[in-house]
Amino acid sequence: MPHPFVTILLILVVSLAVVVPITWWVLTSDRGDRSGDNVSTAGIRFIGGVFVFIGSFSVITLWASQGQFNERLGRELGALVLLTDNITLASPASEGQAFGLLEEYVLAVRDDELAKMATGDRIDPLNGSSPRVLEALDGYSNLISDIEASAAQGSVPPAVSKLRTELTQLELDYLDRLSWQPPYAAVLLLPAGVIALATLLSIAFFPAGPRAWQKWLQSLLSAAVVVCILAMIVLLVSPQFQAASQQESITRYLTQIQAQIRG
């Protein structure tokens, strides 16, 4: 998949290539017969209304879906921090090792998984796990085993016994986030493209306004609306855009963690 901004630029170029020449031809040709204006106006209202409805619905749906990805990543990082903090409470001597595993985990998510999504690739939920994330999870498991072994004989203290449950929850949150994919279906491209093209043609063939500059303004502004709606859909459906945004957030988060470790 091309970079989303390249796709948006292509949408802009194609839209202008459709609207500008046709609008110029309409304004320079003889239009003495205006008997079909009412029919044309009705067509514009119908086609434009369908496009705005479908575009708005798509943007809202995709925006909500991207929020689900952010929520899943937030739950995963929250479970990671909770597990690390509780390990240090149960065994203060393990603090350095626990935070080292946390740092390695976050680096792996950013550099191995989100970086892959940022190139336009999709992660396979079954085989796309980062080896470094799995190593960090194994490291947490081994650390918990050491803490359990060094606990007082007899019943394991509650602070230690719940660590295994928290590790399981972290693994579940990780798999939940890894399984997320944008709700993108290629079959929707054809009707969306046809409706967008029909909207652009309607805009260009029937510009409104009593003067030429008003007709040009109406055509160009209407085309800009089409481009903006399609651009929002492209950005929201793009795993590249979402991954790049999350990479920046995780980088800031990682900086805070590293400062805490060194402090």
C-alpha atoms as a PDB file:
ATOM      1  CA  MET A   1       0.000   0.000   0.000  1.00  0.00           C
ATOM      2  CA  PRO A   2       1.469   3.434  -0.924  1.00  0.00           C
ATOM      3  CA  HIS A   3       2.115   5.974   1.786  1.00  0.00           C
ATOM      4  CA  PRO A   4      -1.212   7.588   2.766  1.00  0.00           C
ATOM      5  CA  PHE A   5      -0.017  11.083   1.836  1.00  0.00           C
ATOM      6  CA  VAL A   6       0.955   9.826  -1.630  1.00  0.00           C
ATOM      7  CA  THR A   7      -2.557   8.407  -1.984  1.00  0.00           C
ATOM      8  CA  ILE A   8      -4.080  11.718  -0.872  1.00  0.00           C
ATOM      9  CA  LEU A   9      -1.955  13.624  -3.397  1.00  0.00           C
ATOM     10  CA  LEU A  10      -3.134  11.227  -6.110  1.00  0.00           C
ATOM     11  CA  ILE A  11      -6.771  11.789  -5.091  1.00  0.00           C
ATOM     12  CA  LEU A  12      -6.238  15.563  -5.286  1.00  0.00           C
ATOM     13  CA  VAL A  13      -4.611  15.407  -8.724  1.00  0.00           C
ATOM     14  CA  VAL A  14      -7.298  13.122 -10.162  1.00  0.00           C
ATOM     15  CA  SER A  15     -10.108  15.238  -8.703  1.00  0.00           C
ATOM     16  CA  LEU A  16      -8.722  18.449 -10.183  1.00  0.00           C
ATOM     17  CA  ALA A  17      -8.083  16.676 -13.489  1.00  0.00           C
ATOM     18  CA  VAL A  18     -11.779  15.786 -13.629  1.00  0.00           C
ATOM     19  CA  VAL A  19     -13.305  19.011 -12.337  1.00  0.00           C
ATOM     20  CA  VAL A  20     -11.173  21.769 -13.871  1.00  0.00           C
ATOM     21  CA  PRO A  21     -11.297  20.812 -17.605  1.00  0.00           C
ATOM     22  CA  ILE A  22     -15.006  19.951 -17.530  1.00  0.00           C
ATOM     23  CA  THR A  23     -15.916  23.154 -15.656  1.00  0.00           C
ATOM     24  CA  TRP A  24     -13.883  25.188 -18.153  1.00  0.00           C
ATOM     25  CA  TRP A  25     -15.630  23.447 -21.071  1.00  0.00           C
ATOM     26  CA  VAL A  26     -19.066  24.072 -19.561  1.00  0.00           C
ATOM     27  CA  LEU A  27     -18.364  27.762 -18.948  1.00  0.00           C
ATOM     28  CA  THR A  28     -16.997  28.338 -22.465  1.00  0.00           C
ATOM     29  CA  SER A  29     -19.731  26.428 -24.326  1.00  0.00           C
ATOM     30  CA  ASP A  30     -23.139  27.726 -25.365  1.00  0.00           C
ATOM     31  CA  ARG A  31     -25.757  26.867 -22.731  1.00  0.00           C
ATOM     32  CA  GLY A  32     -28.819  28.599 -24.074  1.00  0.00           C
ATOM     33  CA  ASP A  33     -31.081  25.638 -23.328  1.00  0.00           C
ATOM     34  CA  ARG A  34     -31.617  25.527 -19.518  1.00  0.00           C
ATOM     35  CA  SER A  35     -34.618  23.174 -19.579  1.00  0.00           C
ATOM     36  CA  GLY A  36     -32.689  20.363 -17.909  1.00  0.00           C
ATOM     37  CA  ASP A  37     -31.441  22.377 -14.938  1.00  0.00           C
ATOM     38  CA  ASN A  38     -34.037  21.049 -12.503  1.00  0.00           C
ATOM     39  CA  VAL A  39     -33.220  17.450 -13.397  1.00  0.00           C
ATOM     40  CA  SER A  40     -29.509  18.179 -13.047  1.00  0.00           C
ATOM     41  CA  THR A  41     -30.030  19.825  -9.685  1.00  0.00           C
ATOM     42  CA  ALA A  42     -31.968  16.798  -8.439  1.00  0.00           C
ATOM     43  CA  GLY A  43     -29.187  14.511  -9.651  1.00  0.00           C
ATOM     44  CA  ILE A  44     -26.542  16.564  -7.875  1.00  0.00           C
ATOM     45  CA  ARG A  45     -28.511  16.501  -4.639  1.00  0.00           C
ATOM     46  CA  PHE A  46     -28.969  12.738  -4.824  1.00  0.00           C
ATOM     47  CA  ILE A  47     -25.405  11.829  -5.810  1.00  0.00           C
ATOM     48  CA  GLY A  48     -23.822  14.377  -3.470  1.00  0.00           C
ATOM     49  CA  GLY A  49     -26.059  13.297  -0.612  1.00  0.00           C
ATOM     50  CA  VAL A  50     -25.150   9.635  -1.115  1.00  0.00           C
ATOM     51  CA  PHE A  51     -21.435  10.487  -1.183  1.00  0.00           C
ATOM     52  CA  VAL A  52     -21.587  12.643   1.945  1.00  0.00           C
ATOM     53  CA  PHE A  53     -23.604   9.989   3.786  1.00  0.00           C
ATOM     54  CA  ILE A  54     -21.285   7.118   2.855  1.00  0.00           C
ATOM     55  CA  GLY A  55     -18.172   9.215   3.474  1.00  0.00           C
ATOM     56  CA  SER A  56     -19.344  10.437   6.867  1.00  0.00           C
ATOM     57  CA  PHE A  57     -20.421   6.938   7.915  1.00  0.00           C
ATOM     58  CA  SER A  58     -17.041   5.526   6.852  1.00  0.00           C
ATOM     59  CA  VAL A  59     -15.109   8.202   8.725  1.00  0.00           C
ATOM     60  CA  ILE A  60     -17.095   7.662  11.936  1.00  0.00           C
ATOM     61  CA  THR A  61     -16.739   3.877  11.723  1.00  0.00           C
ATOM     62  CA  LEU A  62     -13.007   3.996  11.011  1.00  0.00           C
ATOM     63  CA  TRP A  63     -12.408   6.616  13.706  1.00  0.00           C
ATOM     64  CA  ALA A  64     -14.109   4.366  16.248  1.00  0.00           C
ATOM     65  CA  SER A  65     -12.031   1.421  15.078  1.00  0.00           C
ATOM     66  CA  GLN A  66      -8.777   3.351  15.473  1.00  0.00           C
ATOM     67  CA  GLY A  67      -9.924   4.240  18.979  1.00  0.00           C
ATOM     68  CA  GLN A  68     -10.229   0.508  19.659  1.00  0.00           C
ATOM     69  CA  PHE A  69      -6.594   0.035  18.661  1.00  0.00           C
ATOM     70  CA  ASN A  70      -5.500   2.836  20.976  1.00  0.00           C
ATOM     71  CA  GLU A  71      -7.571   1.331  23.766  1.00  0.00           C
ATOM     72  CA  ARG A  72      -6.049  -2.107  23.270  1.00  0.00           C
ATOM     73  CA  LEU A  73      -2.516  -0.749  23.253  1.00  0.00           C
ATOM     74  CA  GLY A  74      -3.286   1.278  26.384  1.00  0.00           C
ATOM     75  CA  ARG A  75      -4.587  -1.823  28.186  1.00  0.00           C
ATOM     76  CA  GLU A  76      -1.494  -3.760  27.170  1.00  0.00           C
ATOM     77  CA  LEU A  77       0.912  -1.109  28.433  1.00  0.00           C
ATOM     78  CA  GLY A  78      -1.150  -0.702  31.599  1.00  0.00           C
ATOM     79  CA  ALA A  79      -0.921  -4.444  32.287  1.00  0.00           C
ATOM     80  CA  LEU A  80       2.821  -4.297  31.602  1.00  0.00           C
ATOM     81  CA  VAL A  81       3.390  -1.468  34.090  1.00  0.00           C
ATOM     82  CA  LEU A  82       1.149  -3.102  36.714  1.00  0.00           C
ATOM     83  CA  LEU A  83       3.053  -6.396  36.470  1.00  0.00           C
ATOM     84  CA  THR A  84       6.429  -4.640  36.686  1.00  0.00           C
ATOM     85  CA  ASP A  85       5.414  -2.535  39.681  1.00  0.00           C
ATOM     86  CA  ASN A  86       4.001  -5.534  41.554  1.00  0.00           C
ATOM     87  CA  ILE A  87       7.161  -7.551  40.886  1.00  0.00           C
ATOM     88  CA  THR A  88       9.246  -4.791  42.446  1.00  0.00           C
ATOM     89  CA  LEU A  89       6.868  -4.664  45.429  1.00  0.00           C
ATOM     90  CA  ALA A  90       7.054  -8.429  45.922  1.00  0.00           C
ATOM     91  CA  SER A  91      10.827  -8.512  45.421  1.00  0.00           C
ATOM     92  CA  PRO A  92      12.616  -5.130  45.603  1.00  0.00           C
ATOM     93  CA  ALA A  93      15.857  -6.840  44.609  1.00  0.00           C
ATOM     94  CA  SER A  94      14.297  -7.652  41.220  1.00  0.00           C
ATOM     95  CA  GLU A  95      13.520  -4.031  40.349  1.00  0.00           C
ATOM     96  CA  GLY A  96      16.388  -3.583  37.894  1.00  0.00           C
ATOM     97  CA  GLN A  97      15.649  -6.818  36.063  1.00  0.00           C
ATOM     98  CA  ALA A  98      11.894  -6.106  35.933  1.00  0.00           C
ATOM     99  CA  PHE A  99      12.337  -2.623  34.476  1.00  0.00           C
ATOM    100  CA  GLY A 100      14.910  -3.975  32.039  1.00  0.00           C
ATOM    101  CA  LEU A 101      12.303  -6.437  30.759  1.00  0.00           C
ATOM    102  CA  LEU A 102       9.755  -3.615  30.526  1.00  0.00           C
ATOM    103  CA  GLU A 103      12.150  -1.533  28.448  1.00  0.00           C
ATOM    104  CA  GLU A 104      12.913  -4.470  26.157  1.00  0.00           C
ATOM    105  CA  TYR A 105       9.192  -5.211  25.738  1.00  0.00           C
ATOM    106  CA  VAL A 106       8.308  -1.627  24.769  1.00  0.00           C
ATOM    107  CA  LEU A 107      11.272  -1.366  22.388  1.00  0.00           C
ATOM    108  CA  ALA A 108      10.201  -4.581  20.667  1.00  0.00           C
ATOM    109  CA  VAL A 109       6.616  -3.386  20.235  1.00  0.00           C
ATOM    110  CA  ARG A 110       7.797  -0.107  18.762  1.00  0.00           C
ATOM    111  CA  ASP A 111      10.670  -1.303  16.567  1.00  0.00           C
ATOM    112  CA  ASP A 112       9.482  -4.759  15.504  1.00  0.00           C
ATOM    113  CA  GLU A 113       5.693  -4.518  15.279  1.00  0.00           C
ATOM    114  CA  LEU A 114       4.622  -0.884  14.908  1.00  0.00           C
ATOM    115  CA  ALA A 115       7.573  -0.209  12.612  1.00  0.00           C
ATOM    116  CA  LYS A 116       6.409  -3.075  10.403  1.00  0.00           C
ATOM    117  CA  MET A 117       2.888  -1.645  10.283  1.00  0.00           C
ATOM    118  CA  ALA A 118       4.342   1.784   9.445  1.00  0.00           C
ATOM    119  CA  THR A 119       5.783   0.331   6.232  1.00  0.00           C
ATOM    120  CA  GLY A 120       2.286  -0.735   5.170  1.00  0.00           C
ATOM    121  CA  ASP A 121       2.568  -4.404   6.131  1.00  0.00           C
ATOM    122  CA  ARG A 122      -0.103  -6.206   8.099  1.00  0.00           C
ATOM    123  CA  ILE A 123       0.865  -8.308  11.097  1.00  0.00           C
ATOM    124  CA  ASP A 124      -0.248 -11.910  11.123  1.00  0.00           C
ATOM    125  CA  PRO A 125      -1.891 -12.489  14.528  1.00  0.00           C
ATOM    126  CA  LEU A 126      -0.676 -16.113  14.523  1.00  0.00           C
ATOM    127  CA  ASN A 127       2.905 -15.686  13.313  1.00  0.00           C
ATOM    128  CA  GLY A 128       3.598 -11.969  13.574  1.00  0.00           C
ATOM    129  CA  SER A 129       4.722 -11.807  17.195  1.00  0.00           C
ATOM    130  CA  SER A 130       8.027 -10.096  17.826  1.00  0.00           C
ATOM    131  CA  PRO A 131      10.625 -12.600  19.101  1.00  0.00           C
ATOM    132  CA  ARG A 132      11.867  -9.947  21.521  1.00  0.00           C
ATOM    133  CA  VAL A 133       8.384  -9.522  23.015  1.00  0.00           C
ATOM    134  CA  LEU A 134       8.149 -13.272  23.529  1.00  0.00           C
ATOM    135  CA  GLU A 135      11.608 -13.268  25.126  1.00  0.00           C
ATOM    136  CA  ALA A 136      10.520 -10.487  27.482  1.00  0.00           C
ATOM    137  CA  LEU A 137       7.392 -12.448  28.432  1.00  0.00           C
ATOM    138  CA  ASP A 138       9.531 -15.526  29.082  1.00  0.00           C
ATOM    139  CA  GLY A 139      11.837 -13.342  31.160  1.00  0.00           C
ATOM    140  CA  TYR A 140       8.910 -12.192  33.287  1.00  0.00           C
ATOM    141  CA  SER A 141       7.818 -15.809  33.734  1.00  0.00           C
ATOM    142  CA  ASN A 142      11.296 -16.877  34.843  1.00  0.00           C
ATOM    143  CA  LEU A 143      11.546 -13.901  37.186  1.00  0.00           C
ATOM    144  CA  ILE A 144       8.208 -14.767  38.784  1.00  0.00           C
ATOM    145  CA  SER A 145       9.369 -18.372  39.179  1.00  0.00           C
ATOM    146  CA  ASP A 146      12.492 -17.158  40.984  1.00  0.00           C
ATOM    147  CA  ILE A 147      10.405 -14.956  43.267  1.00  0.00           C
ATOM    148  CA  GLU A 148       8.047 -17.856  44.022  1.00  0.00           C
ATOM    149  CA  ALA A 149      10.997 -20.129  44.772  1.00  0.00           C
ATOM    150  CA  SER A 150      12.580 -17.633  47.135  1.00  0.00           C
ATOM    151  CA  ALA A 151       9.297 -16.917  48.944  1.00  0.00           C
ATOM    152  CA  ALA A 152       8.818 -18.213  52.434  1.00  0.00           C
ATOM    153  CA  GLN A 153       8.028 -21.912  52.608  1.00  0.00           C
ATOM    154  CA  GLY A 154       4.401 -22.745  53.100  1.00  0.00           C
ATOM    155  CA  SER A 155       1.704 -20.603  51.569  1.00  0.00           C
ATOM    156  CA  VAL A 156       2.878 -18.156  48.932  1.00  0.00           C
ATOM    157  CA  PRO A 157       2.202 -14.504  49.915  1.00  0.00           C
ATOM    158  CA  PRO A 158      -0.743 -12.958  48.025  1.00  0.00           C
ATOM    159  CA  ALA A 159       1.541 -10.316  46.480  1.00  0.00           C
ATOM    160  CA  VAL A 160       3.506 -13.141  44.840  1.00  0.00           C
ATOM    161  CA  SER A 161       0.653 -15.469  43.950  1.00  0.00           C
ATOM    162  CA  LYS A 162      -1.155 -12.869  41.833  1.00  0.00           C
ATOM    163  CA  LEU A 163       1.912 -12.146  39.680  1.00  0.00           C
ATOM    164  CA  ARG A 164       1.256 -15.200  37.520  1.00  0.00           C
ATOM    165  CA  THR A 165      -2.329 -14.041  36.919  1.00  0.00           C
ATOM    166  CA  GLU A 166      -1.100 -10.574  35.929  1.00  0.00           C
ATOM    167  CA  LEU A 167       1.398 -12.108  33.501  1.00  0.00           C
ATOM    168  CA  THR A 168      -1.403 -14.131  31.907  1.00  0.00           C
ATOM    169  CA  GLN A 169      -3.473 -10.952  31.579  1.00  0.00           C
ATOM    170  CA  LEU A 170      -0.547  -9.179  29.902  1.00  0.00           C
ATOM    171  CA  GLU A 171      -0.207 -12.032  27.408  1.00  0.00           C
ATOM    172  CA  LEU A 172      -3.940 -11.872  26.632  1.00  0.00           C
ATOM    173  CA  ASP A 173      -3.813  -8.081  26.155  1.00  0.00           C
ATOM    174  CA  TYR A 174      -0.802  -8.501  23.878  1.00  0.00           C
ATOM    175  CA  LEU A 175      -2.579 -11.045  21.681  1.00  0.00           C
ATOM    176  CA  ASP A 176      -5.708  -8.884  21.654  1.00  0.00           C
ATOM    177  CA  ARG A 177      -3.770  -5.887  20.374  1.00  0.00           C
ATOM    178  CA  LEU A 178      -1.827  -7.996  17.891  1.00  0.00           C
ATOM    179  CA  SER A 179      -5.031  -9.370  16.389  1.00  0.00           C
ATOM    180  CA  TRP A 180      -6.420  -5.908  15.587  1.00  0.00           C
ATOM    181  CA  GLN A 181      -6.579  -5.024  11.901  1.00  0.00           C
ATOM    182  CA  PRO A 182      -8.209  -2.018  10.200  1.00  0.00           C
ATOM    183  CA  PRO A 183     -11.774  -2.798   9.039  1.00  0.00           C
ATOM    184  CA  TYR A 184     -10.761  -2.539   5.406  1.00  0.00           C
ATOM    185  CA  ALA A 185     -12.495  -4.433   2.620  1.00  0.00           C
ATOM    186  CA  ALA A 186     -11.239  -4.106  -0.962  1.00  0.00           C
ATOM    187  CA  VAL A 187     -14.729  -4.841  -2.256  1.00  0.00           C
ATOM    188  CA  LEU A 188     -15.826  -1.401  -0.993  1.00  0.00           C
ATOM    189  CA  LEU A 189     -13.339   0.403  -3.239  1.00  0.00           C
ATOM    190  CA  LEU A 190     -15.411  -0.019  -6.400  1.00  0.00           C
ATOM    191  CA  PRO A 191     -18.701   1.519  -5.186  1.00  0.00           C
ATOM    192  CA  ALA A 192     -16.832   4.239  -3.269  1.00  0.00           C
ATOM    193  CA  GLY A 193     -14.794   5.111  -6.346  1.00  0.00           C
ATOM    194  CA  VAL A 194     -17.837   5.155  -8.627  1.00  0.00           C
ATOM    195  CA  ILE A 195     -19.817   7.384  -6.252  1.00  0.00           C
ATOM    196  CA  ALA A 196     -16.876   9.776  -5.803  1.00  0.00           C
ATOM    197  CA  LEU A 197     -16.359   9.995  -9.582  1.00  0.00           C
ATOM    198  CA  ALA A 198     -20.079  10.589 -10.139  1.00  0.00           C
ATOM    199  CA  THR A 199     -19.984  13.366  -7.546  1.00  0.00           C
ATOM    200  CA  LEU A 200     -17.003  15.042  -9.225  1.00  0.00           C
ATOM    201  CA  LEU A 201     -18.677  14.828 -12.643  1.00  0.00           C
ATOM    202  CA  SER A 202     -21.888  16.321 -11.274  1.00  0.00           C
ATOM    203  CA  ILE A 203     -19.920  19.143  -9.701  1.00  0.00           C
ATOM    204  CA  ALA A 204     -18.055  19.870 -12.924  1.00  0.00           C
ATOM    205  CA  PHE A 205     -20.950  19.611 -15.416  1.00  0.00           C
ATOM    206  CA  PHE A 206     -23.427  21.677 -13.409  1.00  0.00           C
ATOM    207  CA  PRO A 207     -21.575  24.471 -11.548  1.00  0.00           C
ATOM    208  CA  ALA A 208     -23.938  26.802  -9.699  1.00  0.00           C
ATOM    209  CA  GLY A 209     -23.864  30.586  -9.545  1.00  0.00           C
ATOM    210  CA  PRO A 210     -24.885  33.527 -11.740  1.00  0.00           C
ATOM    211  CA  ARG A 211     -21.315  34.589 -12.559  1.00  0.00           C
ATOM    212  CA  ALA A 212     -18.299  32.682 -13.892  1.00  0.00           C
ATOM    213  CA  TRP A 213     -16.163  33.226 -10.770  1.00  0.00           C
ATOM    214  CA  GLN A 214     -18.976  31.933  -8.581  1.00  0.00           C
ATOM    215  CA  LYS A 215     -19.297  28.825 -10.724  1.00  0.00           C
ATOM    216  CA  TRP A 216     -15.539  28.226 -10.474  1.00  0.00           C
ATOM    217  CA  LEU A 217     -15.656  28.778  -6.723  1.00  0.00           C
ATOM    218  CA  GLN A 218     -18.535  26.319  -6.344  1.00  0.00           C
ATOM    219  CA  SER A 219     -16.775  23.666  -8.444  1.00  0.00           C
ATOM    220  CA  LEU A 220     -13.424  23.960  -6.699  1.00  0.00           C
ATOM    221  CA  LEU A 221     -14.865  24.107  -3.177  1.00  0.00           C
ATOM    222  CA  SER A 222     -17.115  21.125  -3.848  1.00  0.00           C
ATOM    223  CA  ALA A 223     -14.165  19.188  -5.233  1.00  0.00           C
ATOM    224  CA  ALA A 224     -12.200  20.118  -2.104  1.00  0.00           C
ATOM    225  CA  VAL A 225     -14.959  18.616   0.049  1.00  0.00           C
ATOM    226  CA  VAL A 226     -14.745  15.359  -1.912  1.00  0.00           C
ATOM    227  CA  VAL A 227     -10.959  15.290  -1.542  1.00  0.00           C
ATOM    228  CA  CYS A 228     -11.144  15.993   2.202  1.00  0.00           C
ATOM    229  CA  ILE A 229     -13.636  13.189   2.848  1.00  0.00           C
ATOM    230  CA  LEU A 230     -11.622  10.692   0.810  1.00  0.00           C
ATOM    231  CA  ALA A 231      -8.413  11.867   2.523  1.00  0.00           C
ATOM    232  CA  MET A 232      -9.890  11.263   5.969  1.00  0.00           C
ATOM    233  CA  ILE A 233     -10.946   7.765   4.928  1.00  0.00           C
ATOM    234  CA  VAL A 234      -7.453   7.020   3.580  1.00  0.00           C
ATOM    235  CA  LEU A 235      -5.737   8.227   6.750  1.00  0.00           C
ATOM    236  CA  LEU A 236      -8.069   6.388   9.095  1.00  0.00           C
ATOM    237  CA  VAL A 237      -7.977   3.120   7.182  1.00  0.00           C
ATOM    238  CA  SER A 238      -4.189   3.222   6.835  1.00  0.00           C
ATOM    239  CA  PRO A 239      -2.227   1.064   9.318  1.00  0.00           C
ATOM    240  CA  GLN A 240       0.800   3.166   8.398  1.00  0.00           C
ATOM    241  CA  PHE A 241      -0.701   6.387   9.715  1.00  0.00           C
ATOM    242  CA  GLN A 242      -1.944   4.747  12.912  1.00  0.00           C
ATOM    243  CA  ALA A 243       1.335   2.937  13.567  1.00  0.00           C
ATOM    244  CA  ALA A 244       3.377   6.113  13.035  1.00  0.00           C
ATOM    245  CA  SER A 245       1.196   7.937  15.555  1.00  0.00           C
ATOM    246  CA  GLN A 246       1.592   5.157  18.110  1.00  0.00           C
ATOM    247  CA  GLN A 247       5.353   5.005  17.538  1.00  0.00           C
ATOM    248  CA  GLU A 248       5.649   8.627  18.611  1.00  0.00           C
ATOM    249  CA  SER A 249       3.541   7.990  21.731  1.00  0.00           C
ATOM    250  CA  ILE A 250       5.581   4.922  22.705  1.00  0.00           C
ATOM    251  CA  THR A 251       8.837   6.807  22.139  1.00  0.00           C
ATOM    252  CA  ARG A 252       7.744   9.454  24.663  1.00  0.00           C
ATOM    253  CA  TYR A 253       6.615   6.732  27.057  1.00  0.00           C
ATOM    254  CA  LEU A 254       9.933   4.903  26.651  1.00  0.00           C
ATOM    255  CA  THR A 255      11.885   8.085  27.380  1.00  0.00           C
ATOM    256  CA  GLN A 256      10.084   8.404  30.711  1.00  0.00           C
ATOM    257  CA  ILE A 257      10.769   4.751  31.558  1.00  0.00           C
ATOM    258  CA  GLN A 258      14.465   5.050  30.690  1.00  0.00           C
ATOM    259  CA  ALA A 259      14.769   8.200  32.804  1.00  0.00           C
ATOM    260  CA  GLN A 260      13.175   6.333  35.717  1.00  0.00           C
ATOM    261  CA  ILE A 261      15.571   3.402  35.284  1.00  0.00           C
ATOM    262  CA  ARG A 262      18.647   5.618  35.191  1.00  0.00           C
ATOM    263  CA  GLY A 263      17.330   7.785  38.016  1.00  0.00           C
END
